[in-house]
Amino acid sequence: MANIKAKGKYAEVEILTDTYRMKGTLFLPLASEGGYNSRLSDFLNDPSKQFLPITNVTVEVLPDPAITWQTGFLAVNKRVVTMVRAIKEQVD
């Protein structure tokens, strides 16, 4: 089986909800492949996407950021998100 790699941009993001602060990597597919227009806002504003797929995630429990955990993948429901901040973006 061939190893196919999607083209797009990786955005290191910080996501806040009422109970968590998450930092990880969000993949944004290129528009030429039926993806997004390379902007984080395009991905966030797509009403057909209910979850944000984040990889390499560090989660802090609020209001006590001393309580943390890490995971390789986390799907965050956009309905609970109060803020998304792009920390760094990189084209693949």
PDB file of N, CA and C in Angstrom:
ATOM      1  N   MET A   1       0.844  -1.179   0.000  1.00  0.00           N
ATOM      2  CA  MET A   1       0.000   0.000   0.000  1.00  0.00           C
ATOM      3  C   MET A   1       0.884   1.236   0.000  1.00  0.00           C
ATOM      4  N   ALA A   2       0.576   2.183  -0.859  1.00  0.00           N
ATOM      5  CA  ALA A   2       1.370   3.404  -0.982  1.00  0.00           C
ATOM      6  C   ALA A   2       1.103   4.337   0.190  1.00  0.00           C
ATOM      7  N   ASN A   3       2.146   5.043   0.596  1.00  0.00           N
ATOM      8  CA  ASN A   3       2.022   6.030   1.661  1.00  0.00           C
ATOM      9  C   ASN A   3       1.683   7.377   1.014  1.00  0.00           C
ATOM     10  N   ILE A   4       0.419   7.776   1.091  1.00  0.00           N
ATOM     11  CA  ILE A   4      -0.034   9.020   0.475  1.00  0.00           C
ATOM     12  C   ILE A   4      -0.095  10.095   1.548  1.00  0.00           C
ATOM     13  N   LYS A   5       0.539  11.217   1.258  1.00  0.00           N
ATOM     14  CA  LYS A   5       0.554  12.313   2.217  1.00  0.00           C
ATOM     15  C   LYS A   5      -0.258  13.477   1.670  1.00  0.00           C
ATOM     16  N   ALA A   6      -1.238  13.911   2.437  1.00  0.00           N
ATOM     17  CA  ALA A   6      -2.075  15.038   2.018  1.00  0.00           C
ATOM     18  C   ALA A   6      -1.259  16.324   2.044  1.00  0.00           C
ATOM     19  N   LYS A   7      -1.581  17.225   1.114  1.00  0.00           N
ATOM     20  CA  LYS A   7      -0.905  18.515   1.072  1.00  0.00           C
ATOM     21  C   LYS A   7      -1.751  19.535   1.807  1.00  0.00           C
ATOM     22  N   GLY A   8      -1.079  20.362   2.540  1.00  0.00           N
ATOM     23  CA  GLY A   8      -1.791  21.384   3.285  1.00  0.00           C
ATOM     24  C   GLY A   8      -0.855  22.121   4.222  1.00  0.00           C
ATOM     25  N   LYS A   9      -1.445  22.683   5.229  1.00  0.00           N
ATOM     26  CA  LYS A   9      -0.708  23.492   6.184  1.00  0.00           C
ATOM     27  C   LYS A   9      -0.968  22.959   7.584  1.00  0.00           C
ATOM     28  N   TYR A  10       0.065  22.982   8.400  1.00  0.00           N
ATOM     29  CA  TYR A  10      -0.073  22.627   9.804  1.00  0.00           C
ATOM     30  C   TYR A  10      -0.097  23.906  10.623  1.00  0.00           C
ATOM     31  N   ALA A  11      -1.024  23.997  11.541  1.00  0.00           N
ATOM     32  CA  ALA A  11      -1.100  25.165  12.409  1.00  0.00           C
ATOM     33  C   ALA A  11      -0.988  24.689  13.851  1.00  0.00           C
ATOM     34  N   GLU A  12       0.004  25.216  14.538  1.00  0.00           N
ATOM     35  CA  GLU A  12       0.099  24.967  15.979  1.00  0.00           C
ATOM     36  C   GLU A  12      -0.903  25.915  16.626  1.00  0.00           C
ATOM     37  N   VAL A  13      -1.836  25.366  17.393  1.00  0.00           N
ATOM     38  CA  VAL A  13      -2.922  26.175  17.932  1.00  0.00           C
ATOM     39  C   VAL A  13      -3.069  26.002  19.437  1.00  0.00           C
ATOM     40  N   GLU A  14      -3.663  27.008  20.034  1.00  0.00           N
ATOM     41  CA  GLU A  14      -4.108  26.950  21.425  1.00  0.00           C
ATOM     42  C   GLU A  14      -5.625  27.093  21.377  1.00  0.00           C
ATOM     43  N   ILE A  15      -6.314  26.163  22.028  1.00  0.00           N
ATOM     44  CA  ILE A  15      -7.771  26.156  22.035  1.00  0.00           C
ATOM     45  C   ILE A  15      -8.237  26.238  23.479  1.00  0.00           C
ATOM     46  N   LEU A  16      -9.173  27.148  23.728  1.00  0.00           N
ATOM     47  CA  LEU A  16      -9.745  27.289  25.065  1.00  0.00           C
ATOM     48  C   LEU A  16     -11.208  26.895  25.057  1.00  0.00           C
ATOM     49  N   THR A  17     -11.613  26.193  26.118  1.00  0.00           N
ATOM     50  CA  THR A  17     -13.017  25.938  26.402  1.00  0.00           C
ATOM     51  C   THR A  17     -13.242  26.456  27.824  1.00  0.00           C
ATOM     52  N   ASP A  18     -14.428  26.284  28.355  1.00  0.00           N
ATOM     53  CA  ASP A  18     -14.684  26.716  29.730  1.00  0.00           C
ATOM     54  C   ASP A  18     -13.872  25.922  30.740  1.00  0.00           C
ATOM     55  N   THR A  19     -13.479  24.702  30.388  1.00  0.00           N
ATOM     56  CA  THR A  19     -12.808  23.830  31.360  1.00  0.00           C
ATOM     57  C   THR A  19     -11.404  23.376  30.979  1.00  0.00           C
ATOM     58  N   TYR A  20     -10.963  23.645  29.734  1.00  0.00           N
ATOM     59  CA  TYR A  20      -9.652  23.163  29.293  1.00  0.00           C
ATOM     60  C   TYR A  20      -8.914  24.199  28.457  1.00  0.00           C
ATOM     61  N   ARG A  21      -7.572  24.118  28.496  1.00  0.00           N
ATOM     62  CA  ARG A  21      -6.698  24.829  27.565  1.00  0.00           C
ATOM     63  C   ARG A  21      -5.915  23.733  26.859  1.00  0.00           C
ATOM     64  N   MET A  22      -5.965  23.725  25.531  1.00  0.00           N
ATOM     65  CA  MET A  22      -5.295  22.693  24.746  1.00  0.00           C
ATOM     66  C   MET A  22      -4.318  23.332  23.776  1.00  0.00           C
ATOM     67  N   LYS A  23      -3.152  22.728  23.643  1.00  0.00           N
ATOM     68  CA  LYS A  23      -2.178  23.157  22.641  1.00  0.00           C
ATOM     69  C   LYS A  23      -1.814  21.934  21.822  1.00  0.00           C
ATOM     70  N   GLY A  24      -1.840  22.095  20.493  1.00  0.00           N
ATOM     71  CA  GLY A  24      -1.520  20.982  19.618  1.00  0.00           C
ATOM     72  C   GLY A  24      -1.438  21.448  18.178  1.00  0.00           C
ATOM     73  N   THR A  25      -1.476  20.472  17.259  1.00  0.00           N
ATOM     74  CA  THR A  25      -1.324  20.751  15.836  1.00  0.00           C
ATOM     75  C   THR A  25      -2.608  20.412  15.097  1.00  0.00           C
ATOM     76  N   LEU A  26      -3.072  21.355  14.285  1.00  0.00           N
ATOM     77  CA  LEU A  26      -4.260  21.188  13.459  1.00  0.00           C
ATOM     78  C   LEU A  26      -3.817  21.178  12.002  1.00  0.00           C
ATOM     79  N   PHE A  27      -4.262  20.178  11.214  1.00  0.00           N
ATOM     80  CA  PHE A  27      -3.915  20.097   9.794  1.00  0.00           C
ATOM     81  C   PHE A  27      -5.006  20.753   8.956  1.00  0.00           C
ATOM     82  N   LEU A  28      -4.611  21.656   8.059  1.00  0.00           N
ATOM     83  CA  LEU A  28      -5.535  22.356   7.168  1.00  0.00           C
ATOM     84  C   LEU A  28      -5.257  21.920   5.732  1.00  0.00           C
ATOM     85  N   PRO A  29      -6.119  21.076   5.126  1.00  0.00           N
ATOM     86  CA  PRO A  29      -5.896  20.635   3.745  1.00  0.00           C
ATOM     87  C   PRO A  29      -5.952  21.806   2.770  1.00  0.00           C
ATOM     88  N   LEU A  30      -5.231  21.681   1.651  1.00  0.00           N
ATOM     89  CA  LEU A  30      -5.258  22.727   0.624  1.00  0.00           C
ATOM     90  C   LEU A  30      -6.592  22.739  -0.100  1.00  0.00           C
ATOM     91  N   ALA A  31      -7.012  23.901  -0.558  1.00  0.00           N
ATOM     92  CA  ALA A  31      -8.289  24.063  -1.259  1.00  0.00           C
ATOM     93  C   ALA A  31      -8.305  23.280  -2.566  1.00  0.00           C
ATOM     94  N   SER A  32      -7.167  23.099  -3.209  1.00  0.00           N
ATOM     95  CA  SER A  32      -7.124  22.401  -4.492  1.00  0.00           C
ATOM     96  C   SER A  32      -7.530  20.936  -4.369  1.00  0.00           C
ATOM     97  N   GLU A  33      -7.534  20.405  -3.167  1.00  0.00           N
ATOM     98  CA  GLU A  33      -7.927  19.017  -2.946  1.00  0.00           C
ATOM     99  C   GLU A  33      -9.268  18.938  -2.227  1.00  0.00           C
ATOM    100  N   GLY A  34     -10.122  19.926  -2.421  1.00  0.00           N
ATOM    101  CA  GLY A  34     -11.407  19.941  -1.748  1.00  0.00           C
ATOM    102  C   GLY A  34     -11.302  20.341  -0.293  1.00  0.00           C
ATOM    103  N   GLY A  35     -10.185  20.960   0.038  1.00  0.00           N
ATOM    104  CA  GLY A  35      -9.952  21.359   1.414  1.00  0.00           C
ATOM    105  C   GLY A  35     -10.291  22.814   1.648  1.00  0.00           C
ATOM    106  N   TYR A  36      -9.468  23.467   2.397  1.00  0.00           N
ATOM    107  CA  TYR A  36      -9.737  24.832   2.823  1.00  0.00           C
ATOM    108  C   TYR A  36      -8.782  25.792   2.149  1.00  0.00           C
ATOM    109  N   ASN A  37      -9.110  27.063   2.210  1.00  0.00           N
ATOM    110  CA  ASN A  37      -8.316  28.111   1.594  1.00  0.00           C
ATOM    111  C   ASN A  37      -7.125  28.502   2.443  1.00  0.00           C
ATOM    112  N   SER A  38      -6.413  27.588   2.977  1.00  0.00           N
ATOM    113  CA  SER A  38      -5.167  27.797   3.718  1.00  0.00           C
ATOM    114  C   SER A  38      -5.270  28.774   4.888  1.00  0.00           C
ATOM    115  N   ARG A  39      -6.479  29.165   5.263  1.00  0.00           N
ATOM    116  CA  ARG A  39      -6.630  30.042   6.416  1.00  0.00           C
ATOM    117  C   ARG A  39      -7.300  29.258   7.542  1.00  0.00           C
ATOM    118  N   LEU A  40      -6.817  29.466   8.727  1.00  0.00           N
ATOM    119  CA  LEU A  40      -7.404  28.827   9.896  1.00  0.00           C
ATOM    120  C   LEU A  40      -8.871  29.214  10.029  1.00  0.00           C
ATOM    121  N   SER A  41      -9.209  30.458   9.746  1.00  0.00           N
ATOM    122  CA  SER A  41     -10.596  30.915   9.871  1.00  0.00           C
ATOM    123  C   SER A  41     -11.527  30.173   8.910  1.00  0.00           C
ATOM    124  N   ASP A  42     -11.054  29.820   7.709  1.00  0.00           N
ATOM    125  CA  ASP A  42     -11.877  29.063   6.767  1.00  0.00           C
ATOM    126  C   ASP A  42     -12.234  27.696   7.352  1.00  0.00           C
ATOM    127  N   PHE A  43     -11.268  27.055   7.956  1.00  0.00           N
ATOM    128  CA  PHE A  43     -11.498  25.746   8.577  1.00  0.00           C
ATOM    129  C   PHE A  43     -12.472  25.863   9.741  1.00  0.00           C
ATOM    130  N   LEU A  44     -12.268  26.867  10.581  1.00  0.00           N
ATOM    131  CA  LEU A  44     -13.126  27.043  11.756  1.00  0.00           C
ATOM    132  C   LEU A  44     -14.557  27.413  11.388  1.00  0.00           C
ATOM    133  N   ASN A  45     -14.738  28.157  10.295  1.00  0.00           N
ATOM    134  CA  ASN A  45     -16.063  28.622   9.904  1.00  0.00           C
ATOM    135  C   ASN A  45     -16.841  27.644   9.039  1.00  0.00           C
ATOM    136  N   ASP A  46     -16.262  26.503   8.684  1.00  0.00           N
ATOM    137  CA  ASP A  46     -16.959  25.518   7.863  1.00  0.00           C
ATOM    138  C   ASP A  46     -18.040  24.837   8.696  1.00  0.00           C
ATOM    139  N   PRO A  47     -19.329  25.076   8.384  1.00  0.00           N
ATOM    140  CA  PRO A  47     -20.406  24.505   9.197  1.00  0.00           C
ATOM    141  C   PRO A  47     -20.539  22.992   9.054  1.00  0.00           C
ATOM    142  N   SER A  48     -19.926  22.395   8.036  1.00  0.00           N
ATOM    143  CA  SER A  48     -20.020  20.943   7.869  1.00  0.00           C
ATOM    144  C   SER A  48     -19.033  20.191   8.762  1.00  0.00           C
ATOM    145  N   LYS A  49     -18.109  20.905   9.357  1.00  0.00           N
ATOM    146  CA  LYS A  49     -17.116  20.289  10.249  1.00  0.00           C
ATOM    147  C   LYS A  49     -17.486  20.582  11.692  1.00  0.00           C
ATOM    148  N   GLN A  50     -17.818  19.535  12.444  1.00  0.00           N
ATOM    149  CA  GLN A  50     -18.261  19.698  13.822  1.00  0.00           C
ATOM    150  C   GLN A  50     -17.112  19.595  14.825  1.00  0.00           C
ATOM    151  N   PHE A  51     -16.026  18.913  14.438  1.00  0.00           N
ATOM    152  CA  PHE A  51     -14.912  18.689  15.355  1.00  0.00           C
ATOM    153  C   PHE A  51     -13.609  19.225  14.789  1.00  0.00           C
ATOM    154  N   LEU A  52     -12.711  19.639  15.682  1.00  0.00           N
ATOM    155  CA  LEU A  52     -11.361  20.055  15.318  1.00  0.00           C
ATOM    156  C   LEU A  52     -10.432  18.893  15.642  1.00  0.00           C
ATOM    157  N   PRO A  53      -9.827  18.255  14.625  1.00  0.00           N
ATOM    158  CA  PRO A  53      -8.904  17.153  14.886  1.00  0.00           C
ATOM    159  C   PRO A  53      -7.510  17.691  15.221  1.00  0.00           C
ATOM    160  N   ILE A  54      -7.087  17.491  16.454  1.00  0.00           N
ATOM    161  CA  ILE A  54      -5.814  18.038  16.927  1.00  0.00           C
ATOM    162  C   ILE A  54      -4.877  16.866  17.250  1.00  0.00           C
ATOM    163  N   THR A  55      -3.615  16.985  16.854  1.00  0.00           N
ATOM    164  CA  THR A  55      -2.615  15.962  17.175  1.00  0.00           C
ATOM    165  C   THR A  55      -1.551  16.544  18.105  1.00  0.00           C
ATOM    166  N   ASN A  56      -0.805  15.641  18.762  1.00  0.00           N
ATOM    167  CA  ASN A  56       0.264  16.035  19.681  1.00  0.00           C
ATOM    168  C   ASN A  56      -0.230  17.077  20.680  1.00  0.00           C
ATOM    169  N   VAL A  57      -1.241  16.702  21.437  1.00  0.00           N
ATOM    170  CA  VAL A  57      -1.987  17.638  22.275  1.00  0.00           C
ATOM    171  C   VAL A  57      -1.532  17.600  23.736  1.00  0.00           C
ATOM    172  N   THR A  58      -1.389  18.788  24.309  1.00  0.00           N
ATOM    173  CA  THR A  58      -1.213  18.950  25.753  1.00  0.00           C
ATOM    174  C   THR A  58      -2.472  19.638  26.265  1.00  0.00           C
ATOM    175  N   VAL A  59      -3.087  19.039  27.293  1.00  0.00           N
ATOM    176  CA  VAL A  59      -4.332  19.560  27.842  1.00  0.00           C
ATOM    177  C   VAL A  59      -4.094  20.008  29.276  1.00  0.00           C
ATOM    178  N   GLU A  60      -4.508  21.226  29.595  1.00  0.00           N
ATOM    179  CA  GLU A  60      -4.471  21.746  30.963  1.00  0.00           C
ATOM    180  C   GLU A  60      -5.910  21.869  31.445  1.00  0.00           C
ATOM    181  N   VAL A  61      -6.155  21.434  32.658  1.00  0.00           N
ATOM    182  CA  VAL A  61      -7.477  21.542  33.249  1.00  0.00           C
ATOM    183  C   VAL A  61      -7.591  22.916  33.909  1.00  0.00           C
ATOM    184  N   LEU A  62      -8.663  23.632  33.598  1.00  0.00           N
ATOM    185  CA  LEU A  62      -8.866  24.959  34.192  1.00  0.00           C
ATOM    186  C   LEU A  62      -9.855  24.840  35.339  1.00  0.00           C
ATOM    187  N   PRO A  63      -9.679  25.526  36.401  1.00  0.00           N
ATOM    188  CA  PRO A  63      -8.773  26.660  36.600  1.00  0.00           C
ATOM    189  C   PRO A  63      -7.412  26.276  37.170  1.00  0.00           C
ATOM    190  N   ASP A  64      -7.070  24.985  37.262  1.00  0.00           N
ATOM    191  CA  ASP A  64      -5.791  24.557  37.837  1.00  0.00           C
ATOM    192  C   ASP A  64      -4.876  23.999  36.753  1.00  0.00           C
ATOM    193  N   PRO A  65      -4.057  24.854  36.087  1.00  0.00           N
ATOM    194  CA  PRO A  65      -3.211  24.387  34.996  1.00  0.00           C
ATOM    195  C   PRO A  65      -2.107  23.422  35.432  1.00  0.00           C
ATOM    196  N   ALA A  66      -1.976  23.172  36.743  1.00  0.00           N
ATOM    197  CA  ALA A  66      -1.006  22.185  37.201  1.00  0.00           C
ATOM    198  C   ALA A  66      -1.477  20.770  36.854  1.00  0.00           C
ATOM    199  N   ILE A  67      -2.775  20.612  36.619  1.00  0.00           N
ATOM    200  CA  ILE A  67      -3.321  19.318  36.206  1.00  0.00           C
ATOM    201  C   ILE A  67      -3.265  19.267  34.683  1.00  0.00           C
ATOM    202  N   THR A  68      -2.371  18.430  34.144  1.00  0.00           N
ATOM    203  CA  THR A  68      -2.196  18.337  32.686  1.00  0.00           C
ATOM    204  C   THR A  68      -2.141  16.875  32.258  1.00  0.00           C
ATOM    205  N   TRP A  69      -2.381  16.665  30.986  1.00  0.00           N
ATOM    206  CA  TRP A  69      -2.183  15.362  30.370  1.00  0.00           C
ATOM    207  C   TRP A  69      -1.909  15.555  28.893  1.00  0.00           C
ATOM    208  N   GLN A  70      -1.349  14.526  28.265  1.00  0.00           N
ATOM    209  CA  GLN A  70      -0.983  14.599  26.854  1.00  0.00           C
ATOM    210  C   GLN A  70      -1.574  13.407  26.110  1.00  0.00           C
ATOM    211  N   THR A  71      -1.842  13.629  24.817  1.00  0.00           N
ATOM    212  CA  THR A  71      -2.355  12.564  23.966  1.00  0.00           C
ATOM    213  C   THR A  71      -1.935  12.829  22.529  1.00  0.00           C
ATOM    214  N   GLY A  72      -1.878  11.790  21.736  1.00  0.00           N
ATOM    215  CA  GLY A  72      -1.498  11.923  20.331  1.00  0.00           C
ATOM    216  C   GLY A  72      -2.595  12.488  19.456  1.00  0.00           C
ATOM    217  N   PHE A  73      -3.865  12.289  19.855  1.00  0.00           N
ATOM    218  CA  PHE A  73      -4.986  12.771  19.058  1.00  0.00           C
ATOM    219  C   PHE A  73      -6.150  13.146  19.960  1.00  0.00           C
ATOM    220  N   LEU A  74      -6.829  14.226  19.587  1.00  0.00           N
ATOM    221  CA  LEU A  74      -8.011  14.667  20.313  1.00  0.00           C
ATOM    222  C   LEU A  74      -8.948  15.350  19.313  1.00  0.00           C
ATOM    223  N   ALA A  75     -10.225  14.972  19.334  1.00  0.00           N
ATOM    224  CA  ALA A  75     -11.235  15.633  18.505  1.00  0.00           C
ATOM    225  C   ALA A  75     -12.029  16.558  19.418  1.00  0.00           C
ATOM    226  N   VAL A  76     -11.953  17.850  19.153  1.00  0.00           N
ATOM    227  CA  VAL A  76     -12.593  18.859  20.004  1.00  0.00           C
ATOM    228  C   VAL A  76     -13.856  19.362  19.317  1.00  0.00           C
ATOM    229  N   ASN A  77     -14.990  19.253  19.999  1.00  0.00           N
ATOM    230  CA  ASN A  77     -16.255  19.722  19.459  1.00  0.00           C
ATOM    231  C   ASN A  77     -16.232  21.251  19.376  1.00  0.00           C
ATOM    232  N   LYS A  78     -16.492  21.801  18.190  1.00  0.00           N
ATOM    233  CA  LYS A  78     -16.435  23.253  17.996  1.00  0.00           C
ATOM    234  C   LYS A  78     -17.456  23.994  18.852  1.00  0.00           C
ATOM    235  N   ARG A  79     -18.536  23.334  19.256  1.00  0.00           N
ATOM    236  CA  ARG A  79     -19.566  23.991  20.066  1.00  0.00           C
ATOM    237  C   ARG A  79     -19.062  24.420  21.442  1.00  0.00           C
ATOM    238  N   VAL A  80     -18.035  23.745  21.966  1.00  0.00           N
ATOM    239  CA  VAL A  80     -17.548  24.080  23.305  1.00  0.00           C
ATOM    240  C   VAL A  80     -16.347  25.022  23.276  1.00  0.00           C
ATOM    241  N   VAL A  81     -15.854  25.339  22.101  1.00  0.00           N
ATOM    242  CA  VAL A  81     -14.663  26.186  21.958  1.00  0.00           C
ATOM    243  C   VAL A  81     -15.035  27.649  22.174  1.00  0.00           C
ATOM    244  N   THR A  82     -14.255  28.317  23.032  1.00  0.00           N
ATOM    245  CA  THR A  82     -14.470  29.744  23.258  1.00  0.00           C
ATOM    246  C   THR A  82     -13.420  30.599  22.549  1.00  0.00           C
ATOM    247  N   MET A  83     -12.235  30.011  22.262  1.00  0.00           N
ATOM    248  CA  MET A  83     -11.187  30.759  21.591  1.00  0.00           C
ATOM    249  C   MET A  83     -10.215  29.809  20.909  1.00  0.00           C
ATOM    250  N   VAL A  84      -9.736  30.204  19.716  1.00  0.00           N
ATOM    251  CA  VAL A  84      -8.663  29.483  19.023  1.00  0.00           C
ATOM    252  C   VAL A  84      -7.614  30.511  18.651  1.00  0.00           C
ATOM    253  N   ARG A  85      -6.379  30.208  19.008  1.00  0.00           N
ATOM    254  CA  ARG A  85      -5.266  31.114  18.686  1.00  0.00           C
ATOM    255  C   ARG A  85      -4.227  30.349  17.894  1.00  0.00           C
ATOM    256  N   ALA A  86      -3.836  30.892  16.741  1.00  0.00           N
ATOM    257  CA  ALA A  86      -2.754  30.303  15.956  1.00  0.00           C
ATOM    258  C   ALA A  86      -1.432  30.720  16.582  1.00  0.00           C
ATOM    259  N   ILE A  87      -0.636  29.741  16.953  1.00  0.00           N
ATOM    260  CA  ILE A  87       0.674  30.021  17.539  1.00  0.00           C
ATOM    261  C   ILE A  87       1.720  30.084  16.419  1.00  0.00           C
ATOM    262  N   LYS A  88       1.626  29.128  15.476  1.00  0.00           N
ATOM    263  CA  LYS A  88       2.594  29.050  14.398  1.00  0.00           C
ATOM    264  C   LYS A  88       1.948  28.269  13.251  1.00  0.00           C
ATOM    265  N   GLU A  89       2.175  28.708  12.014  1.00  0.00           N
ATOM    266  CA  GLU A  89       1.649  27.993  10.853  1.00  0.00           C
ATOM    267  C   GLU A  89       2.788  27.610   9.942  1.00  0.00           C
ATOM    268  N   GLN A  90       2.648  26.421   9.325  1.00  0.00           N
ATOM    269  CA  GLN A  90       3.704  25.887   8.473  1.00  0.00           C
ATOM    270  C   GLN A  90       3.077  25.202   7.278  1.00  0.00           C
ATOM    271  N   VAL A  91       3.542  25.510   6.077  1.00  0.00           N
ATOM    272  CA  VAL A  91       3.053  24.862   4.865  1.00  0.00           C
ATOM    273  C   VAL A  91       3.804  23.563   4.677  1.00  0.00           C
ATOM    274  N   ASP A  92       3.073  22.494   4.317  1.00  0.00           N
ATOM    275  CA  ASP A  92       3.693  21.185   4.082  1.00  0.00           C
ATOM    276  C   ASP A  92       3.981  21.017   2.612  1.00  0.00           C
TER     277      ASP A  92
END
